[in-house]
Protein backbone atom coordinates (compact mmCIF):
# COMPACT_ATOMS: atom_id res chain seq x y z
CA MET A 1 58.76 -45.08 27.54
CA ASN A 2 55.08 -44.04 26.58
CA ARG A 3 55.75 -40.53 27.59
CA LEU A 4 59.09 -40.32 25.46
CA ILE A 5 56.91 -41.58 22.41
CA LEU A 6 54.18 -38.96 22.87
CA ILE A 7 56.80 -36.08 23.29
CA SER A 8 58.53 -37.58 20.12
CA ALA A 9 55.43 -37.63 18.01
CA ILE A 10 54.11 -34.03 19.13
CA LEU A 11 57.78 -32.83 17.87
CA VAL A 12 57.18 -34.77 14.38
CA LEU A 13 54.07 -33.56 14.07
CA SER A 14 55.06 -29.79 14.87
CA THR A 15 57.96 -29.99 12.34
CA LEU A 16 55.43 -31.50 9.58
CA GLN A 17 53.09 -28.31 10.40
CA ALA A 18 56.15 -25.97 10.02
CA GLN A 19 57.19 -27.63 6.69
CA ASP A 20 53.89 -26.36 5.10
CA TRP A 21 53.38 -23.51 3.03
CA PRO A 22 49.30 -23.22 3.06
CA GLN A 23 48.72 -19.69 1.96
CA PHE A 24 50.48 -16.70 -0.02
CA LEU A 25 54.07 -16.17 1.31
CA GLY A 26 54.17 -19.23 3.24
CA PRO A 27 52.85 -20.07 7.14
CA THR A 28 53.84 -16.89 8.60
CA ARG A 29 52.96 -14.67 5.49
CA ASN A 30 56.55 -13.22 5.11
CA GLY A 31 58.25 -15.53 2.73
CA VAL A 32 60.50 -17.26 5.12
CA ALA A 33 60.71 -20.96 5.37
CA ALA A 34 62.70 -20.49 9.05
CA GLU A 35 63.53 -24.20 9.30
CA MET A 36 64.69 -24.99 6.04
CA LYS A 37 68.39 -25.44 5.29
CA LEU A 38 69.48 -25.88 2.00
CA ALA A 39 71.37 -28.33 0.45
CA GLY A 40 75.60 -27.67 -0.16
CA ALA A 41 76.33 -26.22 -3.55
CA TRP A 42 74.05 -27.26 -6.47
CA PRO A 43 75.10 -29.15 -9.25
CA GLN A 44 76.21 -27.97 -12.50
CA ASP A 45 73.09 -28.32 -14.33
CA GLY A 46 71.21 -27.24 -10.95
CA PRO A 47 68.81 -29.07 -8.38
CA ALA A 48 67.02 -32.08 -9.41
CA VAL A 49 63.37 -31.55 -10.86
CA LEU A 50 61.47 -34.36 -9.28
CA TRP A 51 58.36 -33.86 -11.27
CA GLN A 52 56.34 -31.24 -13.65
CA ARG A 53 53.27 -31.13 -15.24
CA LYS A 54 51.44 -28.62 -17.89
CA VAL A 55 49.20 -25.79 -16.22
CA GLY A 56 46.80 -23.33 -17.44
CA GLU A 57 46.61 -19.75 -17.33
CA GLY A 58 47.02 -17.50 -14.39
CA PHE A 59 49.35 -15.83 -11.94
CA SER A 60 48.15 -17.79 -8.99
CA GLY A 61 50.99 -19.71 -6.95
CA PRO A 62 50.64 -23.26 -5.70
CA VAL A 63 50.32 -24.02 -1.85
CA VAL A 64 51.03 -27.26 0.23
CA ALA A 65 49.88 -28.90 3.34
CA GLY A 66 50.71 -32.10 4.51
CA ASP A 67 50.93 -34.45 1.35
CA ARG A 68 48.48 -31.91 -0.64
CA LEU A 69 49.35 -29.33 -3.44
CA ILE A 70 46.74 -26.76 -4.59
CA LEU A 71 46.87 -25.73 -8.06
CA PHE A 72 44.69 -22.83 -9.17
CA HIS A 73 44.58 -21.97 -12.90
CA ARG A 74 42.46 -21.78 -15.97
CA GLU A 75 41.28 -24.09 -18.84
CA GLY A 76 39.51 -22.54 -21.34
CA THR A 77 36.35 -20.90 -19.77
CA GLU A 78 36.73 -22.51 -16.39
CA GLU A 79 38.86 -21.69 -13.22
CA VAL A 80 40.17 -24.76 -11.81
CA VAL A 81 41.22 -25.78 -8.61
CA GLU A 82 43.05 -29.04 -8.42
CA CYS A 83 44.78 -31.21 -5.96
CA LEU A 84 48.04 -33.15 -6.74
CA ASP A 85 50.27 -35.12 -4.48
CA ALA A 86 52.88 -32.82 -3.57
CA ALA A 87 55.94 -35.56 -3.58
CA THR A 88 54.81 -36.81 -7.09
CA GLY A 89 52.44 -34.59 -8.66
CA LYS A 90 49.57 -37.20 -9.41
CA HIS A 91 46.06 -35.98 -9.55
CA LYS A 92 43.71 -36.25 -6.43
CA TRP A 93 40.78 -34.41 -7.04
CA ARG A 94 39.81 -31.59 -9.50
CA THR A 95 36.80 -28.87 -9.22
CA ALA A 96 35.76 -26.13 -11.71
CA TYR A 97 33.45 -23.40 -12.46
CA PRO A 98 32.70 -21.29 -15.57
CA THR A 99 34.19 -17.82 -15.78
CA ALA A 100 33.99 -15.03 -18.51
CA TYR A 101 36.87 -12.94 -17.16
CA VAL A 102 38.56 -10.86 -19.95
CA ASP A 103 41.48 -9.23 -19.40
CA GLN A 104 41.15 -5.59 -20.80
CA PHE A 105 44.83 -5.11 -21.98
CA GLY A 106 44.85 -8.53 -23.37
CA PHE A 107 47.26 -10.06 -20.32
CA ASP A 108 46.43 -13.77 -19.04
CA PRO A 109 43.10 -14.01 -18.17
CA GLY A 110 43.64 -16.75 -15.38
CA PRO A 111 43.43 -16.27 -11.67
CA ARG A 112 45.49 -14.02 -9.89
CA ALA A 113 45.30 -14.74 -6.11
CA THR A 114 46.99 -17.43 -4.09
CA PRO A 115 44.84 -19.67 -2.41
CA ALA A 116 44.76 -20.22 1.33
CA ILE A 117 44.53 -23.77 3.27
CA ALA A 118 43.27 -23.75 6.74
CA ASP A 119 41.36 -26.17 9.22
CA GLY A 120 40.94 -28.73 5.98
CA SER A 121 39.11 -26.42 3.64
CA VAL A 122 40.77 -24.44 0.41
CA PHE A 123 39.68 -21.14 -0.11
CA THR A 124 40.02 -19.48 -3.67
CA TYR A 125 39.61 -15.81 -5.20
CA GLY A 126 39.33 -15.99 -8.69
CA ALA A 127 40.09 -13.10 -11.20
CA GLU A 128 36.15 -12.19 -11.53
CA GLY A 129 36.01 -11.95 -7.81
CA THR A 130 34.44 -15.31 -7.00
CA LEU A 131 35.25 -16.50 -3.67
CA HIS A 132 35.43 -20.30 -2.99
CA ALA A 133 35.70 -22.67 -0.03
CA LEU A 134 36.42 -26.18 -0.88
CA ASP A 135 36.98 -29.51 1.13
CA LEU A 136 40.81 -30.03 0.88
CA ALA A 137 40.13 -33.72 1.23
CA THR A 138 37.58 -34.02 -1.45
CA GLY A 139 37.50 -30.95 -3.68
CA LYS A 140 33.81 -30.55 -2.62
CA LYS A 141 32.16 -27.33 -2.82
CA LEU A 142 31.09 -25.70 0.83
CA TRP A 143 29.88 -22.32 -0.16
CA THR A 144 30.51 -19.21 -2.91
CA VAL A 145 30.21 -15.62 -2.81
CA GLN A 146 29.97 -13.56 -6.04
CA THR A 147 32.14 -10.62 -4.65
CA GLN A 148 31.55 -8.35 -7.37
CA LYS A 149 27.82 -8.90 -7.53
CA GLU A 150 27.58 -8.20 -3.83
CA PHE A 151 29.87 -5.63 -3.29
CA ARG A 152 30.06 -3.84 -6.47
CA PRO A 153 33.85 -2.86 -6.29
CA ALA A 154 35.10 -0.37 -8.78
CA LYS A 155 36.35 -2.11 -12.27
CA SER A 156 40.18 -2.60 -11.94
CA PHE A 157 42.76 -3.09 -14.29
CA PHE A 158 43.78 -6.46 -14.18
CA GLY A 159 41.12 -8.40 -12.02
CA MET A 160 40.80 -9.08 -8.44
CA ALA A 161 44.27 -10.28 -7.29
CA SER A 162 44.49 -9.80 -3.67
CA SER A 163 45.37 -13.34 -2.07
CA PRO A 164 42.35 -14.38 0.88
CA LEU A 165 43.80 -14.11 4.32
CA VAL A 166 42.48 -16.71 6.93
CA GLU A 167 42.54 -15.40 10.79
CA GLY A 168 40.90 -17.83 12.70
CA ARG A 169 37.68 -18.55 11.95
CA THR A 170 37.48 -15.59 9.57
CA VAL A 171 38.55 -15.19 5.88
CA ILE A 172 39.35 -11.64 4.87
CA LEU A 173 39.62 -10.18 1.43
CA ASN A 174 40.76 -6.83 0.13
CA ILE A 175 37.70 -6.12 -2.39
CA GLY A 176 37.35 -2.48 -2.64
CA GLY A 177 33.65 -2.59 -2.82
CA ALA A 178 31.17 0.25 -2.17
CA ASP A 179 29.18 0.96 0.82
CA SER A 180 32.27 0.46 3.41
CA ALA A 181 33.06 -2.97 1.77
CA GLY A 182 36.61 -2.07 1.02
CA ILE A 183 37.70 -4.80 3.34
CA VAL A 184 35.39 -7.71 4.16
CA ALA A 185 35.49 -10.57 6.59
CA PHE A 186 33.76 -14.00 6.29
CA ASP A 187 32.77 -16.89 8.27
CA THR A 188 35.19 -19.54 6.99
CA GLY A 189 32.23 -22.42 7.93
CA ASN A 190 29.44 -20.90 5.98
CA GLY A 191 30.69 -17.79 4.05
CA LYS A 192 28.36 -15.19 5.85
CA VAL A 193 29.75 -11.37 6.19
CA LEU A 194 31.10 -11.25 9.85
CA TRP A 195 31.86 -7.80 9.20
CA LYS A 196 32.96 -4.80 6.69
CA SER A 197 35.47 -1.99 6.95
CA THR A 198 36.86 1.01 4.69
CA ASP A 199 35.76 2.80 1.80
CA ASP A 200 39.16 2.64 -0.26
CA GLU A 201 39.55 0.50 -3.37
CA ALA A 202 41.60 -2.33 -3.46
CA SER A 203 45.10 -2.85 -4.66
CA TYR A 204 46.74 -5.72 -5.89
CA SER A 205 48.64 -5.99 -2.59
CA SER A 206 47.68 -9.19 -0.22
CA PRO A 207 47.23 -8.64 3.24
CA VAL A 208 49.24 -9.71 6.61
CA ALA A 209 48.04 -10.64 9.83
CA ALA A 210 50.40 -10.43 12.83
CA MET A 211 51.30 -9.66 16.40
CA VAL A 212 52.39 -6.21 16.83
CA GLY A 213 52.94 -4.11 19.83
CA GLY A 214 51.15 -6.90 22.26
CA LYS A 215 48.29 -6.88 19.79
CA ARG A 216 46.51 -8.70 16.81
CA HIS A 217 46.70 -6.76 13.47
CA ALA A 218 45.27 -6.87 10.01
CA LEU A 219 47.35 -4.94 7.83
CA PHE A 220 46.36 -3.68 4.34
CA LEU A 221 47.74 -2.18 1.42
CA ALA A 222 44.58 -0.72 -0.37
CA ARG A 223 44.36 1.88 -3.35
CA ASN A 224 45.09 5.08 -1.61
CA LYS A 225 45.88 4.00 1.93
CA PHE A 226 47.85 1.80 4.51
CA PHE A 227 45.08 0.14 7.00
CA SER A 228 45.69 -1.63 10.33
CA LEU A 229 42.42 -3.38 11.40
CA ASP A 230 41.25 -5.26 14.40
CA PRO A 231 40.81 -8.56 12.80
CA ALA A 232 38.27 -9.84 15.30
CA ASN A 233 35.80 -6.86 14.29
CA GLY A 234 37.34 -4.45 11.62
CA ALA A 235 37.69 -1.40 13.55
CA VAL A 236 40.11 0.65 12.02
CA ARG A 237 43.27 1.26 14.36
CA PHE A 238 45.30 3.31 12.12
CA GLN A 239 45.30 4.65 8.68
CA LEU A 240 47.78 6.40 6.49
CA ASP A 241 47.63 8.06 2.88
CA TRP A 242 49.86 6.11 1.05
CA ALA A 243 49.29 5.87 -2.96
CA PRO A 244 50.83 5.78 -6.33
CA THR A 245 50.87 9.59 -7.59
CA MET A 246 49.22 8.06 -11.13
CA ARG A 247 45.96 6.07 -11.41
CA ALA A 248 47.43 3.84 -14.10
CA SER A 249 49.54 2.18 -11.24
CA VAL A 250 49.72 -1.58 -9.65
CA SER A 251 50.58 -1.81 -5.79
CA GLY A 252 51.51 -5.38 -5.27
CA ALA A 253 54.10 -5.80 -2.53
CA ALA A 254 52.40 -7.19 0.46
CA PRO A 255 53.16 -5.51 4.20
CA LEU A 256 56.04 -6.52 5.87
CA VAL A 257 56.54 -7.05 9.57
CA ALA A 258 59.55 -7.50 11.78
CA GLY A 259 58.85 -7.20 15.24
CA ASP A 260 56.97 -4.08 15.73
CA THR A 261 57.74 -2.41 12.88
CA VAL A 262 55.87 -2.53 9.69
CA PHE A 263 57.40 -1.97 5.97
CA ILE A 264 55.42 -0.71 3.03
CA THR A 265 56.28 -0.18 -0.35
CA ALA A 266 55.13 0.64 -3.99
CA SER A 267 56.18 2.07 -6.99
CA TYR A 268 54.55 5.12 -9.17
CA GLY A 269 56.10 7.55 -6.73
CA ALA A 270 54.32 6.19 -3.73
CA GLY A 271 57.82 4.98 -2.53
CA ALA A 272 58.53 2.93 0.70
CA ALA A 273 58.12 3.58 4.40
CA ALA A 274 59.12 1.88 7.79
CA LEU A 275 56.62 2.32 10.37
CA ILE A 276 57.24 1.36 14.08
CA PHE A 277 54.47 0.70 16.50
CA LYS A 278 54.55 3.02 19.55
CA GLY A 279 52.05 4.31 22.08
CA GLY A 280 49.36 2.45 20.48
CA THR A 281 49.75 3.96 17.03
CA PHE A 282 52.31 3.94 14.18
CA GLU A 283 54.87 6.36 13.70
CA LYS A 284 57.54 6.85 10.79
CA LEU A 285 60.86 5.56 11.08
CA TRP A 286 61.62 6.72 7.69
CA THR A 287 60.08 7.17 4.24
CA SER A 288 61.86 7.22 0.64
CA ASP A 289 61.07 6.77 -2.94
CA ASP A 290 64.78 6.21 -3.78
CA ILE A 291 65.64 3.44 -1.42
CA LEU A 292 63.53 0.28 -1.85
CA SER A 293 60.43 1.09 -3.92
CA SER A 294 58.92 -2.32 -4.95
CA GLN A 295 56.26 -2.37 -7.94
CA TYR A 296 54.75 -5.54 -6.91
CA ALA A 297 57.40 -8.00 -5.48
CA SER A 298 57.03 -8.23 -1.61
CA CYS A 299 60.19 -8.13 0.45
CA ILE A 300 61.93 -10.16 2.78
CA GLU A 301 63.38 -9.38 6.56
CA ARG A 302 66.32 -11.16 8.16
CA GLY A 303 68.35 -9.93 10.98
CA GLY A 304 67.12 -6.33 10.85
CA PHE A 305 67.84 -5.99 6.93
CA LEU A 306 65.25 -5.87 4.08
CA TYR A 307 66.09 -7.35 0.69
CA GLY A 308 63.73 -6.53 -2.16
CA LEU A 309 63.95 -5.12 -5.50
CA HIS A 310 63.78 -1.37 -6.32
CA GLY A 311 62.36 -0.38 -9.41
CA ARG A 312 59.47 -0.97 -12.07
CA VAL A 313 59.99 -4.03 -14.52
CA ASP A 314 57.92 -2.43 -17.34
CA THR A 315 59.68 0.60 -17.85
CA GLY A 316 63.16 2.24 -17.22
CA PRO A 317 66.40 0.34 -15.92
CA ALA A 318 65.82 -3.08 -14.63
CA PRO A 319 64.92 -3.20 -11.19
CA ALA A 320 67.79 -3.60 -8.62
CA LEU A 321 68.14 -6.28 -5.89
CA ARG A 322 69.12 -4.28 -2.80
CA CYS A 323 69.92 -4.80 0.91
CA VAL A 324 68.57 -1.82 3.32
CA GLU A 325 68.72 -1.42 7.14
CA LEU A 326 65.31 -1.65 8.44
CA LYS A 327 65.72 1.06 10.99
CA THR A 328 67.27 3.58 8.97
CA GLY A 329 66.83 3.22 5.59
CA LYS A 330 70.46 2.97 4.68
CA LEU A 331 71.39 1.25 1.66
CA ARG A 332 73.95 -1.50 2.41
CA TRP A 333 74.55 -2.87 -0.96
CA SER A 334 72.83 -2.94 -4.42
CA ARG A 335 72.76 -5.33 -7.49
CA ASP A 336 71.78 -2.98 -10.47
CA GLY A 337 69.99 -4.67 -13.37
CA PHE A 338 68.75 -7.59 -11.57
CA GLY A 339 65.28 -7.81 -13.03
CA GLY A 340 61.91 -8.94 -11.99
CA ALA A 341 61.54 -11.93 -9.45
CA SER A 342 59.79 -13.23 -6.52
CA LEU A 343 61.90 -13.45 -3.06
CA THR A 344 61.62 -16.20 -0.70
CA LEU A 345 63.97 -17.30 2.38
CA ALA A 346 65.09 -20.32 3.40
CA GLY A 347 67.43 -20.18 6.63
CA ASP A 348 70.46 -17.83 5.49
CA GLN A 349 69.86 -17.99 1.78
CA LEU A 350 67.52 -15.99 -0.77
CA LEU A 351 65.93 -17.61 -3.25
CA LEU A 352 65.03 -15.27 -6.18
CA LEU A 353 62.59 -16.74 -9.06
CA THR A 354 63.20 -14.43 -11.80
CA ASP A 355 60.67 -13.57 -14.64
CA LYS A 356 62.83 -15.41 -17.07
CA GLY A 357 62.44 -18.61 -15.20
CA GLU A 358 65.79 -18.75 -13.46
CA LEU A 359 66.13 -19.64 -9.57
CA VAL A 360 68.97 -17.45 -8.34
CA ARG A 361 70.31 -18.22 -4.69
CA VAL A 362 71.87 -15.40 -2.67
CA ALA A 363 73.39 -15.27 0.72
CA ALA A 364 70.93 -13.16 3.15
CA THR A 365 73.92 -10.71 4.59
CA PRO A 366 74.35 -7.11 4.81
CA ASP A 367 77.88 -7.52 3.78
CA GLY A 368 77.50 -7.50 -0.19
CA PHE A 369 75.80 -9.20 -2.74
CA LYS A 370 76.66 -13.07 -2.87
CA GLU A 371 75.58 -15.56 -5.34
CA THR A 372 75.59 -18.93 -3.97
CA GLY A 373 73.79 -20.62 -7.27
CA ARG A 374 71.84 -20.48 -10.17
CA ALA A 375 69.65 -22.70 -12.56
CA GLN A 376 66.89 -22.34 -15.27
CA ILE A 377 63.93 -24.29 -13.76
CA LEU A 378 61.10 -22.74 -15.94
CA GLY A 379 60.33 -20.47 -18.77
CA LEU A 380 59.67 -16.79 -19.86
CA GLY A 381 56.88 -14.96 -18.31
CA GLN A 382 57.15 -16.44 -14.84
CA ARG A 383 54.93 -14.08 -12.42
CA SER A 384 53.40 -16.15 -9.57
CA HIS A 385 55.10 -16.81 -5.96
CA PRO A 386 56.51 -20.22 -5.34
CA ALA A 387 55.92 -22.71 -2.11
CA LEU A 388 58.61 -24.22 -0.04
CA ALA A 389 57.57 -27.05 1.51
CA GLY A 390 59.22 -30.49 3.06
CA GLY A 391 62.66 -29.34 1.25
CA ARG A 392 60.99 -28.95 -2.06
CA PHE A 393 60.61 -25.70 -4.39
CA PHE A 394 57.32 -25.54 -6.16
CA ALA A 395 57.03 -22.90 -8.96
CA ARG A 396 55.36 -22.44 -12.10
CA ASP A 397 55.33 -20.25 -15.41
CA PRO A 398 52.66 -19.85 -18.02
CA LYS A 399 52.86 -23.28 -18.87
CA ARG A 400 54.62 -25.72 -16.16
CA LEU A 401 54.49 -26.41 -12.76
CA VAL A 402 57.82 -28.00 -11.23
CA CYS A 403 58.80 -29.48 -8.08
CA VAL A 404 62.38 -29.06 -7.48
CA GLU A 405 64.44 -30.86 -4.80
CA LEU A 406 66.36 -28.27 -2.48
CA GLN A 407 67.22 -30.86 0.49
CA SER A 408 68.32 -34.18 0.62
CA GLY A 409 66.14 -36.65 2.07
CA THR A 410 68.76 -36.85 5.32
CA ASP A 411 68.50 -32.85 5.43
CA ARG A 412 64.96 -33.22 5.64
CA LEU A 413 64.85 -35.37 8.51
CA ARG A 414 67.00 -33.35 10.27
């Protein structure tokens, strides 16, 4: 009997961990909530909003671990890290520090990068390049690194935006610094530099770590190149010239790993590529600028098919939502004029949060575009990635953070 109780307890704890969304693009850094099954058809007025609250400026997305939600935003002249109760939105703690960041184009001056939660700590990376480690339980500052002062990166158009990647006892950042500090790894316990690698400038893309070809890889889309690094020491295993054809450009989509294949994408003439790991290196399966070139939205993979947005939101026709066969680059279907959005996957359903604040539910199938639900949950100007945890959908726009119920209590216990 005791053995059965122990096994049950382990299974429950494993389920709870699987339901966390502790970093950019979720637990496996690919936008997938693998064990989440959505409730049936939504009510006519959309899924229920459980709670909401006002937020400050910024594009940083929420993250969730256990009963704690971390919100990173700007209030006045401070960048603020807040901890909320994920179920109720009630305040737990608040930590703030001064910021003088001014966007040179008059856009939002708040933080862009999404925090990461690991081993009881929260790691945030502000618009000015300030890296903080905080205690998850109390908000106490553990250590700080001023990356602009220490590594002297070239001035970017829109501030520092690459979300931190925690890999074991290492937090890795796409900084774009001088003197081989393009990518820098820090000790999660004390903030000391563990290694530096590459000389390329930073992009706005966030890195991904995954097993590829039986080895652990840290994958980065920098300003002008794609890199595969050994996360233990920063050694470059593979690099590929991959750059927009114009300087005034933004590469924001994260690399996507599906088995031994990596998909990278950008706009402004860079295009998209599927790379397969063979014989200790990456080889091109296909490249094209006409299939799935995403300006900043990261793509999703399910069952050997890619789902993503083709085109730019700032010029030309509105981006098209597309389904593409990963191995061949063959276009299976396209929904033209869809617009800008972030993508996540819950079970067999895509959840697209549009820049107009609509939550759109689409079947993740290569058989054609099949919309299965649509609801207005936020206002205009939404640019942040959401979080999916415990059957709830957490998302923000420039003014509000909302918690939306996507599973019934019974479904969450299955």
